[in-house]
PDB file of all heavy atoms in Angstrom:
ATOM      1  N   GLU A   1     -72.652 -79.186  88.464  1.00  0.00           N
ATOM      2  CA  GLU A   1     -72.768 -80.644  88.584  1.00  0.00           C
ATOM      3  C   GLU A   1     -74.072 -81.034  89.266  1.00  0.00           C
ATOM      4  O   GLU A   1     -74.772 -81.959  88.824  1.00  0.00           O
ATOM      5  CB  GLU A   1     -71.571 -81.189  89.370  1.00  0.00           C
ATOM      6  CG  GLU A   1     -71.611 -82.679  89.648  1.00  0.00           C
ATOM      7  CD  GLU A   1     -71.583 -83.543  88.395  1.00  0.00           C
ATOM      8  OE1 GLU A   1     -71.131 -83.056  87.337  1.00  0.00           O
ATOM      9  OE2 GLU A   1     -72.032 -84.707  88.475  1.00  0.00           O
ATOM     10  N   ALA A   2     -74.427 -80.330  90.340  1.00  0.00           N
ATOM     11  CA  ALA A   2     -75.630 -80.674  91.098  1.00  0.00           C
ATOM     12  C   ALA A   2     -76.899 -80.508  90.259  1.00  0.00           C
ATOM     13  O   ALA A   2     -77.870 -81.259  90.440  1.00  0.00           O
ATOM     14  CB  ALA A   2     -75.718 -79.817  92.350  1.00  0.00           C
ATOM     15  N   LEU A   3     -76.898 -79.549  89.339  1.00  0.00           N
ATOM     16  CA  LEU A   3     -78.104 -79.224  88.565  1.00  0.00           C
ATOM     17  C   LEU A   3     -78.019 -79.685  87.105  1.00  0.00           C
ATOM     18  O   LEU A   3     -78.803 -79.237  86.267  1.00  0.00           O
ATOM     19  CB  LEU A   3     -78.354 -77.713  88.611  1.00  0.00           C
ATOM     20  CG  LEU A   3     -78.651 -77.120  89.986  1.00  0.00           C
ATOM     21  CD1 LEU A   3     -78.835 -75.609  89.886  1.00  0.00           C
ATOM     22  CD2 LEU A   3     -79.873 -77.770  90.622  1.00  0.00           C
ATOM     23  N   LYS A   4     -77.109 -80.601  86.809  1.00  0.00           N
ATOM     24  CA  LYS A   4     -76.871 -80.967  85.411  1.00  0.00           C
ATOM     25  C   LYS A   4     -78.094 -81.565  84.725  1.00  0.00           C
ATOM     26  O   LYS A   4     -78.212 -81.507  83.495  1.00  0.00           O
ATOM     27  CB  LYS A   4     -75.687 -81.927  85.312  1.00  0.00           C
ATOM     28  CG  LYS A   4     -75.894 -83.263  85.999  1.00  0.00           C
ATOM     29  CD  LYS A   4     -74.632 -84.112  85.919  1.00  0.00           C
ATOM     30  CE  LYS A   4     -74.827 -85.450  86.633  1.00  0.00           C
ATOM     31  NZ  LYS A   4     -73.579 -86.261  86.591  1.00  0.00           N
ATOM     32  N   ASP A   5     -79.019 -82.150  85.488  1.00  0.00           N
ATOM     33  CA  ASP A   5     -80.233 -82.706  84.897  1.00  0.00           C
ATOM     34  C   ASP A   5     -81.381 -81.705  84.851  1.00  0.00           C
ATOM     35  O   ASP A   5     -82.456 -82.024  84.333  1.00  0.00           O
ATOM     36  CB  ASP A   5     -80.680 -83.941  85.684  1.00  0.00           C
ATOM     37  CG  ASP A   5     -79.696 -85.097  85.559  1.00  0.00           C
ATOM     38  OD1 ASP A   5     -79.058 -85.216  84.501  1.00  0.00           O
ATOM     39  OD2 ASP A   5     -79.561 -85.860  86.534  1.00  0.00           O
ATOM     40  N   GLU A   6     -81.142 -80.496  85.397  1.00  0.00           N
ATOM     41  CA  GLU A   6     -82.218 -79.510  85.490  1.00  0.00           C
ATOM     42  C   GLU A   6     -81.951 -78.239  84.695  1.00  0.00           C
ATOM     43  O   GLU A   6     -82.885 -77.522  84.333  1.00  0.00           O
ATOM     44  CB  GLU A   6     -82.449 -79.161  86.969  1.00  0.00           C
ATOM     45  CG  GLU A   6     -82.982 -80.352  87.757  1.00  0.00           C
ATOM     46  CD  GLU A   6     -82.695 -80.270  89.228  1.00  0.00           C
ATOM     47  OE1 GLU A   6     -83.389 -79.485  89.907  1.00  0.00           O
ATOM     48  OE2 GLU A   6     -81.785 -80.975  89.711  1.00  0.00           O
ATOM     49  N   ILE A   7     -80.684 -77.946  84.431  1.00  0.00           N
ATOM     50  CA  ILE A   7     -80.336 -76.758  83.646  1.00  0.00           C
ATOM     51  C   ILE A   7     -78.895 -76.902  83.177  1.00  0.00           C
ATOM     52  O   ILE A   7     -78.073 -77.538  83.848  1.00  0.00           O
ATOM     53  CB  ILE A   7     -80.518 -75.476  84.493  1.00  0.00           C
ATOM     54  CG1 ILE A   7     -80.549 -74.232  83.596  1.00  0.00           C
ATOM     55  CG2 ILE A   7     -79.467 -75.367  85.579  1.00  0.00           C
ATOM     56  CD1 ILE A   7     -81.124 -73.003  84.280  1.00  0.00           C
ATOM     57  N   ASP A   8     -78.596 -76.370  82.017  1.00  0.00           N
ATOM     58  CA  ASP A   8     -77.219 -76.347  81.513  1.00  0.00           C
ATOM     59  C   ASP A   8     -76.572 -75.028  81.907  1.00  0.00           C
ATOM     60  O   ASP A   8     -77.143 -73.952  81.650  1.00  0.00           O
ATOM     61  CB  ASP A   8     -77.189 -76.500  79.987  1.00  0.00           C
ATOM     62  CG  ASP A   8     -77.617 -77.888  79.539  1.00  0.00           C
ATOM     63  OD1 ASP A   8     -77.267 -78.855  80.243  1.00  0.00           O
ATOM     64  OD2 ASP A   8     -78.288 -78.010  78.497  1.00  0.00           O
ATOM     65  N   ILE A   9     -75.397 -75.113  82.515  1.00  0.00           N
ATOM     66  CA  ILE A   9     -74.687 -73.920  82.985  1.00  0.00           C
ATOM     67  C   ILE A   9     -73.339 -73.829  82.298  1.00  0.00           C
ATOM     68  O   ILE A   9     -72.524 -74.742  82.388  1.00  0.00           O
ATOM     69  CB  ILE A   9     -74.503 -73.947  84.515  1.00  0.00           C
ATOM     70  CG1 ILE A   9     -75.869 -73.993  85.212  1.00  0.00           C
ATOM     71  CG2 ILE A   9     -73.708 -72.730  84.981  1.00  0.00           C
ATOM     72  CD1 ILE A   9     -75.790 -74.106  86.736  1.00  0.00           C
ATOM     73  N   GLU A  10     -73.127 -72.716  81.609  1.00  0.00           N
ATOM     74  CA  GLU A  10     -71.864 -72.430  80.927  1.00  0.00           C
ATOM     75  C   GLU A  10     -71.127 -71.365  81.735  1.00  0.00           C
ATOM     76  O   GLU A  10     -71.708 -70.330  82.069  1.00  0.00           O
ATOM     77  CB  GLU A  10     -72.163 -71.922  79.510  1.00  0.00           C
ATOM     78  CG  GLU A  10     -70.965 -71.804  78.610  1.00  0.00           C
ATOM     79  CD  GLU A  10     -71.373 -71.363  77.217  1.00  0.00           C
ATOM     80  OE1 GLU A  10     -71.835 -70.209  77.062  1.00  0.00           O
ATOM     81  OE2 GLU A  10     -71.255 -72.161  76.275  1.00  0.00           O
ATOM     82  N   ILE A  11     -69.851 -71.619  82.048  1.00  0.00           N
ATOM     83  CA  ILE A  11     -69.109 -70.774  82.978  1.00  0.00           C
ATOM     84  C   ILE A  11     -68.019 -69.994  82.254  1.00  0.00           C
ATOM     85  O   ILE A  11     -67.188 -70.568  81.548  1.00  0.00           O
ATOM     86  CB  ILE A  11     -68.489 -71.636  84.093  1.00  0.00           C
ATOM     87  CG1 ILE A  11     -69.600 -72.267  84.939  1.00  0.00           C
ATOM     88  CG2 ILE A  11     -67.546 -70.813  84.967  1.00  0.00           C
ATOM     89  CD1 ILE A  11     -69.111 -73.291  85.943  1.00  0.00           C
ATOM     90  N   VAL A  12     -68.031 -68.677  82.474  1.00  0.00           N
ATOM     91  CA  VAL A  12     -66.985 -67.787  81.967  1.00  0.00           C
ATOM     92  C   VAL A  12     -66.033 -67.468  83.119  1.00  0.00           C
ATOM     93  O   VAL A  12     -66.472 -66.983  84.172  1.00  0.00           O
ATOM     94  CB  VAL A  12     -67.578 -66.471  81.417  1.00  0.00           C
ATOM     95  CG1 VAL A  12     -66.469 -65.604  80.810  1.00  0.00           C
ATOM     96  CG2 VAL A  12     -68.669 -66.742  80.389  1.00  0.00           C
ATOM     97  N   ALA A  13     -64.743 -67.745  82.932  1.00  0.00           N
ATOM     98  CA  ALA A  13     -63.739 -67.385  83.937  1.00  0.00           C
ATOM     99  C   ALA A  13     -63.485 -65.889  83.817  1.00  0.00           C
ATOM    100  O   ALA A  13     -62.870 -65.416  82.857  1.00  0.00           O
ATOM    101  CB  ALA A  13     -62.458 -68.175  83.695  1.00  0.00           C
ATOM    102  N   PHE A  14     -63.952 -65.126  84.813  1.00  0.00           N
ATOM    103  CA  PHE A  14     -64.105 -63.677  84.665  1.00  0.00           C
ATOM    104  C   PHE A  14     -63.209 -62.901  85.631  1.00  0.00           C
ATOM    105  O   PHE A  14     -63.355 -63.018  86.852  1.00  0.00           O
ATOM    106  CB  PHE A  14     -65.578 -63.330  84.918  1.00  0.00           C
ATOM    107  CG  PHE A  14     -65.913 -61.880  84.789  1.00  0.00           C
ATOM    108  CD1 PHE A  14     -65.508 -61.147  83.684  1.00  0.00           C
ATOM    109  CD2 PHE A  14     -66.662 -61.242  85.764  1.00  0.00           C
ATOM    110  CE1 PHE A  14     -65.834 -59.798  83.564  1.00  0.00           C
ATOM    111  CE2 PHE A  14     -66.998 -59.902  85.658  1.00  0.00           C
ATOM    112  CZ  PHE A  14     -66.577 -59.183  84.549  1.00  0.00           C
ATOM    113  N   PRO A  15     -62.305 -62.069  85.115  1.00  0.00           N
ATOM    114  CA  PRO A  15     -61.427 -61.259  85.968  1.00  0.00           C
ATOM    115  C   PRO A  15     -62.075 -59.941  86.382  1.00  0.00           C
ATOM    116  O   PRO A  15     -61.657 -58.853  85.970  1.00  0.00           O
ATOM    117  CB  PRO A  15     -60.213 -61.023  85.064  1.00  0.00           C
ATOM    118  CG  PRO A  15     -60.803 -60.947  83.684  1.00  0.00           C
ATOM    119  CD  PRO A  15     -61.963 -61.915  83.689  1.00  0.00           C
ATOM    120  N   GLN A  16     -63.109 -60.021  87.219  1.00  0.00           N
ATOM    121  CA  GLN A  16     -63.888 -58.833  87.584  1.00  0.00           C
ATOM    122  C   GLN A  16     -63.027 -57.716  88.163  1.00  0.00           C
ATOM    123  O   GLN A  16     -63.290 -56.529  87.921  1.00  0.00           O
ATOM    124  CB  GLN A  16     -64.954 -59.222  88.612  1.00  0.00           C
ATOM    125  CG  GLN A  16     -65.771 -58.075  89.171  1.00  0.00           C
ATOM    126  CD  GLN A  16     -66.787 -57.524  88.199  1.00  0.00           C
ATOM    127  OE1 GLN A  16     -67.901 -58.019  88.135  1.00  0.00           O
ATOM    128  NE2 GLN A  16     -66.411 -56.512  87.435  1.00  0.00           N
ATOM    129  N   SER A  17     -61.992 -58.047  88.924  1.00  0.00           N
ATOM    130  CA  SER A  17     -61.160 -57.022  89.562  1.00  0.00           C
ATOM    131  C   SER A  17     -59.985 -56.586  88.708  1.00  0.00           C
ATOM    132  O   SER A  17     -59.166 -55.776  89.154  1.00  0.00           O
ATOM    133  CB  SER A  17     -60.655 -57.545  90.918  1.00  0.00           C
ATOM    134  OG  SER A  17     -61.728 -57.744  91.804  1.00  0.00           O
ATOM    135  N   GLY A  18     -59.904 -57.089  87.507  1.00  0.00           N
ATOM    136  CA  GLY A  18     -58.800 -56.767  86.619  1.00  0.00           C
ATOM    137  C   GLY A  18     -57.960 -58.004  86.345  1.00  0.00           C
ATOM    138  O   GLY A  18     -57.880 -58.915  87.171  1.00  0.00           O
ATOM    139  N   LEU A  19     -57.335 -58.026  85.188  1.00  0.00           N
ATOM    140  CA  LEU A  19     -56.509 -59.152  84.783  1.00  0.00           C
ATOM    141  C   LEU A  19     -55.037 -58.868  85.036  1.00  0.00           C
ATOM    142  O   LEU A  19     -54.362 -59.579  85.780  1.00  0.00           O
ATOM    143  CB  LEU A  19     -56.754 -59.444  83.296  1.00  0.00           C
ATOM    144  CG  LEU A  19     -56.114 -60.696  82.706  1.00  0.00           C
ATOM    145  CD1 LEU A  19     -56.582 -61.946  83.431  1.00  0.00           C
ATOM    146  CD2 LEU A  19     -56.449 -60.797  81.214  1.00  0.00           C
ATOM    147  N   LEU A  20     -54.542 -57.775  84.471  1.00  0.00           N
ATOM    148  CA  LEU A  20     -53.135 -57.412  84.632  1.00  0.00           C
ATOM    149  C   LEU A  20     -52.927 -56.523  85.851  1.00  0.00           C
ATOM    150  O   LEU A  20     -51.831 -56.486  86.415  1.00  0.00           O
ATOM    151  CB  LEU A  20     -52.631 -56.700  83.379  1.00  0.00           C
ATOM    152  CG  LEU A  20     -52.833 -57.449  82.050  1.00  0.00           C
ATOM    153  CD1 LEU A  20     -52.266 -56.638  80.900  1.00  0.00           C
ATOM    154  CD2 LEU A  20     -52.194 -58.831  82.096  1.00  0.00           C
ATOM    155  N   ALA A  21     -53.967 -55.818  86.244  1.00  0.00           N
ATOM    156  CA  ALA A  21     -53.844 -54.888  87.373  1.00  0.00           C
ATOM    157  C   ALA A  21     -53.592 -55.616  88.689  1.00  0.00           C
ATOM    158  O   ALA A  21     -53.079 -55.021  89.639  1.00  0.00           O
ATOM    159  CB  ALA A  21     -55.110 -54.039  87.483  1.00  0.00           C
ATOM    160  N   ARG A  22     -53.955 -56.879  88.751  1.00  0.00           N
ATOM    161  CA  ARG A  22     -53.733 -57.693  89.954  1.00  0.00           C
ATOM    162  C   ARG A  22     -52.885 -58.902  89.562  1.00  0.00           C
ATOM    163  O   ARG A  22     -53.423 -59.929  89.127  1.00  0.00           O
ATOM    164  CB  ARG A  22     -55.072 -58.116  90.570  1.00  0.00           C
ATOM    165  CG  ARG A  22     -55.889 -56.940  91.084  1.00  0.00           C
ATOM    166  CD  ARG A  22     -57.256 -57.380  91.578  1.00  0.00           C
ATOM    167  NE  ARG A  22     -57.179 -58.213  92.772  1.00  0.00           N
ATOM    168  CZ  ARG A  22     -57.163 -57.736  94.014  1.00  0.00           C
ATOM    169  NH1 ARG A  22     -57.209 -56.432  94.231  1.00  0.00           N
ATOM    170  NH2 ARG A  22     -57.116 -58.557  95.046  1.00  0.00           N
ATOM    171  N   PRO A  23     -51.567 -58.788  89.667  1.00  0.00           N
ATOM    172  CA  PRO A  23     -50.674 -59.874  89.248  1.00  0.00           C
ATOM    173  C   PRO A  23     -51.052 -61.195  89.907  1.00  0.00           C
ATOM    174  O   PRO A  23     -51.378 -61.253  91.101  1.00  0.00           O
ATOM    175  CB  PRO A  23     -49.295 -59.386  89.718  1.00  0.00           C
ATOM    176  CG  PRO A  23     -49.409 -57.900  89.711  1.00  0.00           C
ATOM    177  CD  PRO A  23     -50.812 -57.612  90.155  1.00  0.00           C
ATOM    178  N   GLY A  24     -51.033 -62.241  89.112  1.00  0.00           N
ATOM    179  CA  GLY A  24     -51.438 -63.561  89.563  1.00  0.00           C
ATOM    180  C   GLY A  24     -52.805 -63.967  89.047  1.00  0.00           C
ATOM    181  O   GLY A  24     -53.148 -65.158  89.040  1.00  0.00           O
ATOM    182  N   THR A  25     -53.600 -62.992  88.591  1.00  0.00           N
ATOM    183  CA  THR A  25     -54.938 -63.308  88.100  1.00  0.00           C
ATOM    184  C   THR A  25     -54.884 -64.113  86.807  1.00  0.00           C
ATOM    185  O   THR A  25     -55.681 -65.041  86.615  1.00  0.00           O
ATOM    186  CB  THR A  25     -55.753 -62.016  87.892  1.00  0.00           C
ATOM    187  OG1 THR A  25     -55.784 -61.272  89.108  1.00  0.00           O
ATOM    188  CG2 THR A  25     -57.177 -62.337  87.468  1.00  0.00           C
ATOM    189  N   THR A  26     -53.964 -63.789  85.918  1.00  0.00           N
ATOM    190  CA  THR A  26     -53.849 -64.534  84.659  1.00  0.00           C
ATOM    191  C   THR A  26     -53.634 -66.014  84.927  1.00  0.00           C
ATOM    192  O   THR A  26     -54.257 -66.879  84.295  1.00  0.00           O
ATOM    193  CB  THR A  26     -52.691 -63.974  83.813  1.00  0.00           C
ATOM    194  OG1 THR A  26     -52.968 -62.610  83.475  1.00  0.00           O
ATOM    195  CG2 THR A  26     -52.509 -64.781  82.529  1.00  0.00           C
ATOM    196  N   GLU A  27     -52.773 -66.316  85.882  1.00  0.00           N
ATOM    197  CA  GLU A  27     -52.503 -67.715  86.209  1.00  0.00           C
ATOM    198  C   GLU A  27     -53.736 -68.404  86.795  1.00  0.00           C
ATOM    199  O   GLU A  27     -53.985 -69.589  86.537  1.00  0.00           O
ATOM    200  CB  GLU A  27     -51.329 -67.790  87.199  1.00  0.00           C
ATOM    201  CG  GLU A  27     -49.977 -67.400  86.614  1.00  0.00           C
ATOM    202  CD  GLU A  27     -49.792 -65.897  86.413  1.00  0.00           C
ATOM    203  OE1 GLU A  27     -50.594 -65.115  86.985  1.00  0.00           O
ATOM    204  OE2 GLU A  27     -48.856 -65.507  85.697  1.00  0.00           O
ATOM    205  N   LEU A  28     -54.514 -67.666  87.563  1.00  0.00           N
ATOM    206  CA  LEU A  28     -55.743 -68.229  88.120  1.00  0.00           C
ATOM    207  C   LEU A  28     -56.779 -68.495  87.030  1.00  0.00           C
ATOM    208  O   LEU A  28     -57.454 -69.536  87.047  1.00  0.00           O
ATOM    209  CB  LEU A  28     -56.322 -67.283  89.175  1.00  0.00           C
ATOM    210  CG  LEU A  28     -55.548 -67.195  90.489  1.00  0.00           C
ATOM    211  CD1 LEU A  28     -56.067 -66.018  91.334  1.00  0.00           C
ATOM    212  CD2 LEU A  28     -55.670 -68.495  91.284  1.00  0.00           C
ATOM    213  N   ILE A  29     -56.902 -67.571  86.086  1.00  0.00           N
ATOM    214  CA  ILE A  29     -57.816 -67.784  84.957  1.00  0.00           C
ATOM    215  C   ILE A  29     -57.375 -69.016  84.169  1.00  0.00           C
ATOM    216  O   ILE A  29     -58.196 -69.866  83.776  1.00  0.00           O
ATOM    217  CB  ILE A  29     -57.854 -66.548  84.039  1.00  0.00           C
ATOM    218  CG1 ILE A  29     -58.399 -65.319  84.786  1.00  0.00           C
ATOM    219  CG2 ILE A  29     -58.683 -66.831  82.783  1.00  0.00           C
ATOM    220  CD1 ILE A  29     -59.877 -65.327  85.036  1.00  0.00           C
ATOM    221  N   ASP A  30     -56.079 -69.134  83.942  1.00  0.00           N
ATOM    222  CA  ASP A  30     -55.508 -70.288  83.245  1.00  0.00           C
ATOM    223  C   ASP A  30     -55.908 -71.581  83.963  1.00  0.00           C
ATOM    224  O   ASP A  30     -56.354 -72.554  83.343  1.00  0.00           O
ATOM    225  CB  ASP A  30     -53.987 -70.132  83.209  1.00  0.00           C
ATOM    226  CG  ASP A  30     -53.296 -71.142  82.311  1.00  0.00           C
ATOM    227  OD1 ASP A  30     -53.974 -71.798  81.501  1.00  0.00           O
ATOM    228  OD2 ASP A  30     -52.055 -71.277  82.420  1.00  0.00           O
ATOM    229  N   ALA A  31     -55.766 -71.583  85.284  1.00  0.00           N
ATOM    230  CA  ALA A  31     -56.103 -72.774  86.062  1.00  0.00           C
ATOM    231  C   ALA A  31     -57.598 -73.073  86.022  1.00  0.00           C
ATOM    232  O   ALA A  31     -58.009 -74.244  85.957  1.00  0.00           O
ATOM    233  CB  ALA A  31     -55.643 -72.590  87.508  1.00  0.00           C
ATOM    234  N   ALA A  32     -58.428 -72.035  86.056  1.00  0.00           N
ATOM    235  CA  ALA A  32     -59.875 -72.231  85.998  1.00  0.00           C
ATOM    236  C   ALA A  32     -60.291 -72.851  84.667  1.00  0.00           C
ATOM    237  O   ALA A  32     -61.168 -73.723  84.614  1.00  0.00           O
ATOM    238  CB  ALA A  32     -60.595 -70.906  86.214  1.00  0.00           C
ATOM    239  N   LEU A  33     -59.673 -72.408  83.600  1.00  0.00           N
ATOM    240  CA  LEU A  33     -59.972 -72.967  82.283  1.00  0.00           C
ATOM    241  C   LEU A  33     -59.552 -74.427  82.215  1.00  0.00           C
ATOM    242  O   LEU A  33     -60.272 -75.277  81.682  1.00  0.00           O
ATOM    243  CB  LEU A  33     -59.268 -72.147  81.195  1.00  0.00           C
ATOM    244  CG  LEU A  33     -59.785 -70.712  81.033  1.00  0.00           C
ATOM    245  CD1 LEU A  33     -58.798 -69.886  80.221  1.00  0.00           C
ATOM    246  CD2 LEU A  33     -61.155 -70.695  80.366  1.00  0.00           C
ATOM    247  N   ALA A  34     -58.390 -74.742  82.773  1.00  0.00           N
ATOM    248  CA  ALA A  34     -57.930 -76.127  82.796  1.00  0.00           C
ATOM    249  C   ALA A  34     -58.853 -77.007  83.633  1.00  0.00           C
ATOM    250  O   ALA A  34     -59.024 -78.198  83.356  1.00  0.00           O
ATOM    251  CB  ALA A  34     -56.500 -76.194  83.331  1.00  0.00           C
ATOM    252  N   ALA A  35     -59.474 -76.402  84.658  1.00  0.00           N
ATOM    253  CA  ALA A  35     -60.334 -77.156  85.568  1.00  0.00           C
ATOM    254  C   ALA A  35     -61.751 -77.346  85.033  1.00  0.00           C
ATOM    255  O   ALA A  35     -62.519 -78.132  85.598  1.00  0.00           O
ATOM    256  CB  ALA A  35     -60.393 -76.463  86.921  1.00  0.00           C
ATOM    257  N   GLY A  36     -62.130 -76.624  83.983  1.00  0.00           N
ATOM    258  CA  GLY A  36     -63.451 -76.850  83.408  1.00  0.00           C
ATOM    259  C   GLY A  36     -64.284 -75.632  83.093  1.00  0.00           C
ATOM    260  O   GLY A  36     -65.436 -75.765  82.660  1.00  0.00           O
ATOM    261  N   ALA A  37     -63.755 -74.419  83.287  1.00  0.00           N
ATOM    262  CA  ALA A  37     -64.489 -73.226  82.831  1.00  0.00           C
ATOM    263  C   ALA A  37     -64.602 -73.268  81.309  1.00  0.00           C
ATOM    264  O   ALA A  37     -63.707 -73.771  80.615  1.00  0.00           O
ATOM    265  CB  ALA A  37     -63.791 -71.960  83.292  1.00  0.00           C
ATOM    266  N   ASP A  38     -65.685 -72.738  80.783  1.00  0.00           N
ATOM    267  CA  ASP A  38     -66.002 -72.916  79.366  1.00  0.00           C
ATOM    268  C   ASP A  38     -65.504 -71.793  78.465  1.00  0.00           C
ATOM    269  O   ASP A  38     -65.280 -72.017  77.272  1.00  0.00           O
ATOM    270  CB  ASP A  38     -67.520 -73.030  79.203  1.00  0.00           C
ATOM    271  CG  ASP A  38     -68.094 -74.200  79.978  1.00  0.00           C
ATOM    272  OD1 ASP A  38     -67.826 -75.343  79.592  1.00  0.00           O
ATOM    273  OD2 ASP A  38     -68.796 -73.964  80.984  1.00  0.00           O
TER     274      ASP A  38
END
């Protein structure tokens, strides 16, 4: 948001520590996508 006039930023919701290996991560990714991750 702060740099929207200076650069376009596309965000990947990324499970760096694992998706299924850490229960609860899927729900967090889901929430990040709902909040505006691309």
